[in-house]
Protein backbone atom coordinates (compact mmCIF):
# COMPACT_ATOMS: atom_id res chain seq x y z
CA MET A 1 53.25 234.81 340.59
CA ARG A 2 51.56 234.49 337.19
CA ASN A 3 54.22 236.59 335.40
CA ARG A 4 56.96 234.54 337.03
CA THR A 5 55.24 231.31 335.96
CA VAL A 6 54.83 232.46 332.36
CA LYS A 7 58.42 233.67 332.20
CA ALA A 8 59.72 230.41 333.64
CA SER A 9 57.67 228.22 331.30
CA THR A 10 58.70 230.30 328.28
CA THR A 11 62.34 229.86 329.26
CA GLY A 12 61.79 226.11 329.55
CA TYR A 13 60.16 225.84 326.12
CA LEU A 14 62.93 227.90 324.51
CA LEU A 15 65.57 225.64 326.05
CA VAL A 16 63.81 222.50 324.75
CA LEU A 17 63.35 223.98 321.25
CA SER A 18 67.02 224.99 321.19
CA ALA A 19 68.00 221.43 322.12
CA ALA A 20 65.61 219.99 319.50
CA THR A 21 67.09 222.27 316.82
CA ILE A 22 70.61 221.02 317.59
CA TRP A 23 69.45 217.39 317.74
CA ALA A 24 67.76 217.85 314.37
CA THR A 25 71.18 218.21 312.73
CA ILE A 26 72.21 214.67 313.75
CA GLY A 27 70.60 212.97 310.73
CA PRO A 28 72.22 215.17 308.06
CA ALA A 29 75.58 214.94 309.86
CA TYR A 30 75.37 211.14 310.07
CA LYS A 31 74.51 211.02 306.36
CA LEU A 32 77.65 212.96 305.53
CA ILE A 33 79.84 210.89 307.85
CA THR A 34 78.69 207.48 306.63
CA ARG A 35 78.14 208.21 302.92
CA ASN A 36 81.54 206.79 301.90
CA GLN A 37 81.32 203.94 304.46
CA GLN A 38 84.52 205.10 306.17
CA VAL A 39 82.61 205.19 309.43
CA LEU A 40 79.70 202.85 310.16
CA PRO A 41 76.66 204.05 312.17
CA ALA A 42 77.65 202.29 315.42
CA GLN A 43 81.18 203.67 315.10
CA ALA A 44 79.87 207.18 314.49
CA ALA A 45 77.66 206.92 317.59
CA PHE A 46 80.63 205.81 319.70
CA LEU A 47 83.00 208.51 318.39
CA ARG A 48 80.33 211.17 318.84
CA CYS A 49 79.75 210.13 322.45
CA LEU A 50 83.47 209.81 323.26
CA THR A 51 84.27 213.21 321.74
CA GLY A 52 81.46 214.83 323.70
CA PHE A 53 82.66 213.27 326.93
CA PHE A 54 86.27 214.44 326.57
CA PHE A 55 85.15 217.92 325.52
CA LEU A 56 82.91 218.33 328.55
CA LEU A 57 85.47 216.69 330.86
CA ILE A 58 88.21 219.13 329.79
CA VAL A 59 85.94 222.18 330.03
CA LEU A 60 84.77 221.26 333.51
CA ALA A 61 88.27 220.31 334.70
CA ILE A 62 89.51 223.80 333.71
CA PHE A 63 86.58 226.00 334.67
CA ARG A 64 84.42 224.05 337.15
CA PRO A 65 86.35 221.13 338.65
CA ARG A 66 83.87 220.81 341.50
CA ALA A 67 81.20 219.88 338.95
CA LEU A 68 83.08 216.62 338.34
CA THR A 69 82.52 215.50 341.92
CA ILE A 70 79.60 213.23 342.70
CA ASP A 71 78.63 211.42 345.87
CA ILE A 72 79.55 207.76 345.81
CA SER A 73 76.00 206.95 346.88
CA ASP A 74 74.77 208.41 343.56
CA LEU A 75 77.05 206.22 341.43
CA PRO A 76 74.31 203.64 340.70
CA LEU A 77 72.08 206.47 339.44
CA PHE A 78 74.75 207.73 337.03
CA LEU A 79 75.56 204.19 335.91
CA ALA A 80 71.88 203.65 335.11
CA PHE A 81 71.66 207.00 333.31
CA GLY A 82 74.71 206.29 331.14
CA SER A 83 73.94 202.67 330.36
CA ILE A 84 70.20 203.05 329.74
CA SER A 85 69.68 206.51 328.28
CA ILE A 86 73.01 207.04 326.53
CA ALA A 87 74.37 203.67 325.37
CA GLY A 88 71.03 201.89 325.45
CA PHE A 89 69.25 204.60 323.51
CA TYR A 90 71.99 204.95 320.88
CA LEU A 91 72.17 201.19 320.27
CA ALA A 92 68.40 200.61 320.27
CA TYR A 93 67.84 203.41 317.78
CA VAL A 94 70.67 202.27 315.48
CA GLU A 95 69.21 198.76 315.43
CA ALA A 96 65.67 200.05 314.86
CA VAL A 97 66.77 202.11 311.86
CA SER A 98 68.71 199.15 310.48
CA LEU A 99 65.86 196.66 310.88
CA LEU A 100 62.79 198.83 310.20
CA GLY A 101 63.97 201.76 308.13
CA VAL A 102 63.94 205.40 309.16
CA ALA A 103 60.19 206.08 308.98
CA LEU A 104 58.95 203.48 311.46
CA ALA A 105 62.06 203.81 313.65
CA VAL A 106 61.48 207.56 314.08
CA THR A 107 57.80 207.00 314.82
CA LEU A 108 58.57 204.43 317.53
CA LEU A 109 61.29 206.70 318.94
CA TYR A 110 58.78 209.49 319.41
CA THR A 111 56.52 207.36 321.52
CA SER A 112 58.89 208.66 324.22
CA PRO A 113 56.55 211.50 325.32
CA ALA A 114 53.90 208.88 326.07
CA TRP A 115 56.39 206.92 328.18
CA VAL A 116 57.50 210.11 329.95
CA THR A 117 53.90 211.07 330.67
CA ILE A 118 53.07 207.63 332.09
CA LEU A 119 56.26 207.30 334.14
CA SER A 120 56.10 210.91 335.39
CA TRP A 121 52.58 210.19 336.63
CA ILE A 122 53.87 207.12 338.49
CA LEU A 123 57.18 208.49 339.78
CA PHE A 124 56.56 212.21 340.25
CA ARG A 125 52.75 212.37 340.69
CA GLU A 126 52.49 214.58 337.57
CA ARG A 127 48.98 213.81 336.46
CA PRO A 128 48.55 214.99 332.84
CA SER A 129 45.79 217.48 332.11
CA ARG A 130 43.29 217.07 329.30
CA LEU A 131 45.17 219.71 327.29
CA GLN A 132 48.47 217.87 327.77
CA MET A 133 46.90 214.61 326.57
CA MET A 134 45.51 216.38 323.49
CA ALA A 135 48.95 217.85 322.81
CA LEU A 136 50.54 214.42 323.25
CA ILE A 137 48.16 212.83 320.72
CA SER A 138 48.73 215.71 318.28
CA ALA A 139 52.52 215.36 318.60
CA LEU A 140 52.51 211.56 318.14
CA LEU A 141 50.21 211.76 315.10
CA GLY A 142 52.33 214.57 313.67
CA CYS A 143 55.51 212.49 314.03
CA ALA A 144 53.82 209.53 312.31
CA LEU A 145 52.75 211.68 309.33
CA LEU A 146 56.05 213.50 309.17
CA SER A 147 57.93 210.19 309.10
CA GLU A 148 55.56 208.83 306.38
CA VAL A 149 54.83 205.72 308.43
CA TYR A 150 51.73 205.24 306.24
CA ASP A 151 53.95 204.50 303.22
CA THR A 152 54.18 200.69 303.30
CA SER A 153 56.95 200.71 300.69
CA GLN A 154 59.26 202.23 303.34
CA LEU A 155 58.43 199.80 306.10
CA ARG A 156 60.28 196.60 306.93
CA ILE A 157 58.38 194.97 309.75
CA ASN A 158 60.01 192.39 312.01
CA LEU A 159 59.63 191.60 315.69
CA LEU A 160 63.23 192.37 316.69
CA GLY A 161 63.03 195.74 314.95
CA ILE A 162 59.74 196.60 316.69
CA ILE A 163 61.27 195.70 320.06
CA ALA A 164 64.33 197.83 319.31
CA GLY A 165 62.10 200.75 318.25
CA ILE A 166 60.00 200.57 321.41
CA LEU A 167 63.16 200.34 323.52
CA SER A 168 64.54 203.43 321.77
CA GLY A 169 61.41 205.32 322.85
CA ILE A 170 61.66 204.09 326.45
CA THR A 171 65.39 204.74 326.78
CA TYR A 172 64.97 208.16 325.15
CA ALA A 173 62.35 208.94 327.80
CA GLY A 174 65.10 208.29 330.34
CA TYR A 175 66.76 211.57 329.34
CA THR A 176 63.86 213.31 331.02
CA LEU A 177 63.34 210.98 333.95
CA PHE A 178 66.99 210.65 334.96
CA GLY A 179 67.45 214.37 334.37
CA ARG A 180 64.62 215.17 336.77
CA ILE A 181 66.24 213.04 339.47
CA THR A 182 69.83 214.28 339.05
CA LEU A 183 68.73 217.93 339.00
CA ARG A 184 67.54 217.60 342.57
CA LYS A 185 71.19 217.53 343.64
CA TYR A 186 73.41 218.47 340.68
CA ASP A 187 73.49 221.19 338.05
CA PRO A 188 72.92 220.29 334.35
CA LEU A 189 76.64 219.96 333.54
CA SER A 190 77.32 217.65 336.45
CA SER A 191 74.22 215.68 335.54
CA VAL A 192 75.45 214.71 332.07
CA VAL A 193 79.26 214.43 332.12
CA TRP A 194 79.57 211.01 333.79
CA PRO A 195 76.54 209.43 332.06
CA ILE A 196 78.09 210.41 328.71
CA GLY A 197 81.41 208.89 329.82
CA ILE A 198 79.76 205.65 330.92
CA GLY A 199 77.81 205.53 327.67
CA SER A 200 81.06 205.98 325.73
CA LEU A 201 82.63 202.95 327.36
CA ILE A 202 79.66 200.73 326.53
CA LEU A 203 79.34 202.06 322.97
CA GLY A 204 83.08 201.65 322.43
CA ALA A 205 82.98 197.99 323.45
CA TYR A 206 79.93 197.34 321.27
CA SER A 207 81.41 199.16 318.28
CA TYR A 208 84.75 197.35 318.51
CA ILE A 209 83.17 193.91 318.85
CA THR A 210 80.67 194.36 316.02
CA THR A 211 82.42 196.64 313.51
CA GLY A 212 86.11 196.88 314.41
CA VAL A 213 88.24 200.03 314.54
CA PRO A 214 86.89 203.10 312.66
CA THR A 215 89.07 205.01 310.19
CA PRO A 216 87.46 208.46 309.79
CA SER A 217 88.65 210.92 307.17
CA LEU A 218 89.59 214.50 308.13
CA GLU A 219 86.12 215.67 306.99
CA ALA A 220 84.46 212.96 309.07
CA TRP A 221 86.47 213.98 312.15
CA GLY A 222 85.17 217.53 311.78
CA LEU A 223 81.59 216.28 311.73
CA ILE A 224 82.26 213.92 314.65
CA LEU A 225 83.65 216.85 316.64
CA TYR A 226 80.51 218.83 315.88
CA LEU A 227 78.26 215.91 316.91
CA GLY A 228 80.21 215.43 320.12
CA VAL A 229 80.07 219.07 321.17
CA GLY A 230 76.68 220.09 319.76
CA PRO A 231 74.03 217.32 319.91
CA THR A 232 75.77 215.22 322.57
CA VAL A 233 76.78 217.89 325.10
CA VAL A 234 75.20 221.28 324.41
CA ALA A 235 71.75 219.97 323.43
CA MET A 236 71.62 217.51 326.30
CA VAL A 237 72.58 220.21 328.82
CA LEU A 238 69.95 222.57 327.38
CA TYR A 239 67.27 219.90 327.59
CA ILE A 240 68.06 218.88 331.14
CA ALA A 241 68.29 222.55 332.17
CA SER A 242 64.75 223.03 330.80
CA LEU A 243 63.50 220.60 333.45
CA ASN A 244 64.18 223.31 336.02
CA TYR A 245 61.36 225.30 334.43
CA ILE A 246 58.75 222.92 332.99
CA PRO A 247 57.62 219.37 333.87
CA GLY A 248 59.33 216.53 332.05
CA SER A 249 56.07 215.40 330.46
CA LEU A 250 55.75 218.78 328.71
CA ALA A 251 59.43 218.98 327.74
CA SER A 252 59.29 215.58 326.04
CA ILE A 253 56.29 216.63 323.95
CA VAL A 254 57.95 219.90 322.86
CA ALA A 255 61.05 217.87 321.88
CA THR A 256 58.97 216.14 319.19
CA ALA A 257 59.64 219.29 317.14
CA GLU A 258 63.01 217.68 316.36
CA PRO A 259 61.90 215.62 313.29
CA LEU A 260 60.07 218.66 311.90
CA ILE A 261 63.17 220.81 312.28
CA ALA A 262 65.31 218.01 310.78
CA ILE A 263 63.12 217.86 307.68
CA LEU A 264 63.15 221.64 307.34
CA ILE A 265 66.95 221.54 307.46
CA SER A 266 67.01 218.81 304.82
CA VAL A 267 64.57 220.75 302.62
CA THR A 268 66.59 223.96 302.95
CA PHE A 269 70.14 222.68 302.70
CA MET A 270 69.98 219.16 301.20
CA GLU A 271 67.35 219.69 298.49
CA GLU A 272 64.87 217.20 299.94
CA LYS A 273 61.12 217.76 299.53
CA LEU A 274 58.28 218.02 302.04
CA ASN A 275 54.95 216.67 300.75
CA LEU A 276 51.46 217.74 301.81
CA ILE A 277 50.93 214.99 304.39
CA GLN A 278 54.32 215.68 305.94
CA SER A 279 53.38 219.35 306.10
CA ILE A 280 50.20 218.40 307.97
CA GLY A 281 52.30 216.32 310.37
CA GLY A 282 54.59 219.28 310.97
CA ALA A 283 51.57 221.50 311.63
CA LEU A 284 50.28 219.01 314.22
CA ILE A 285 53.61 219.09 316.05
CA LEU A 286 53.58 222.88 316.07
CA LEU A 287 49.97 222.77 317.29
CA ALA A 288 51.05 220.59 320.21
CA VAL A 289 53.77 223.08 321.19
CA ILE A 290 51.35 226.01 320.92
CA MET A 291 48.73 224.17 323.00
CA LEU A 292 51.24 223.51 325.76
CA GLN A 293 52.55 227.08 325.76
CA THR A 294 49.02 228.52 325.78
CA GLY A 295 47.96 226.19 328.57
CA SER A 296 51.00 227.03 330.72
CA SER A 297 50.51 230.78 330.23
CA LYS A 298 47.01 230.45 331.68
CA SER A 299 48.16 228.43 334.67
CA GLU A 300 48.69 230.02 338.05
CA ASP A 301 50.62 227.05 339.38
CA ILE A 302 54.35 226.79 339.61
CA SER A 303 56.15 223.48 339.98
CA PRO A 304 58.59 222.84 342.84
CA THR A 305 61.53 222.67 340.43
CA THR A 306 60.57 226.01 338.91
CA GLU A 307 60.13 227.62 342.31
CA ALA A 308 63.62 226.49 343.28
CA ALA A 309 65.10 227.74 340.01
CA LEU A 310 63.59 231.19 340.48
């Protein structure tokens, strides 16, 4: 039982880290898409989501048409998933970045593990251990340092921006919570295709009303295609699949490795620099992941979702 538990938890952590690595490329890709102002942020979010939806829809229609079938009784669940944790998250985060700047917006976004931990305790009776709480605190502090939230010259505080930032964290937590619920009945691909489609419709309406029709260049279309297939579909499927192996509260904490990976990508490929305090923040995030992995390897328990997956 112990070997099976360790193997399952390791698989779950690897799936989350793979998703986080793909998500970490979103920032650099958005920078490249919007640098000439051919595509505005809200437009890029809509095109990314729409491209991801059609890609997944075509793949499933050809290879797994049954995966496109859902029970009509589950339609409200998928509507909530798509509107809250796809469209709602994208829009809240775009507004938070616009109103607060990247540093504070990223920090508020990564309050999501705290929301997941609280809501998982309420909804799924997943009471966090002392080690998990220590890992959560380490991850949140690491994100704050990595995002340089202490640098007041980068911060633009206003109430609407703070609300948008907090909402981005809550709606981002919905990835985990809705994923946990849909996985009880559907596989990861079926769990995400219709929420992404619903999110696309909402984002499309918002983008058209606020910014008009986008006119991407050929280079921008290539990046949009990558964002649609990679971060929108593949990463989301990997993350939701990880919930078959580890509790959502742990997966959300491991996902905080995303900003660290994003900065490492920027340092390596975009000639950006990582200062000492940011390095400490990155170390705290890695510490959180190591703490969770070490704690799970010592555990003899196996969650119901993991038992079913094995």
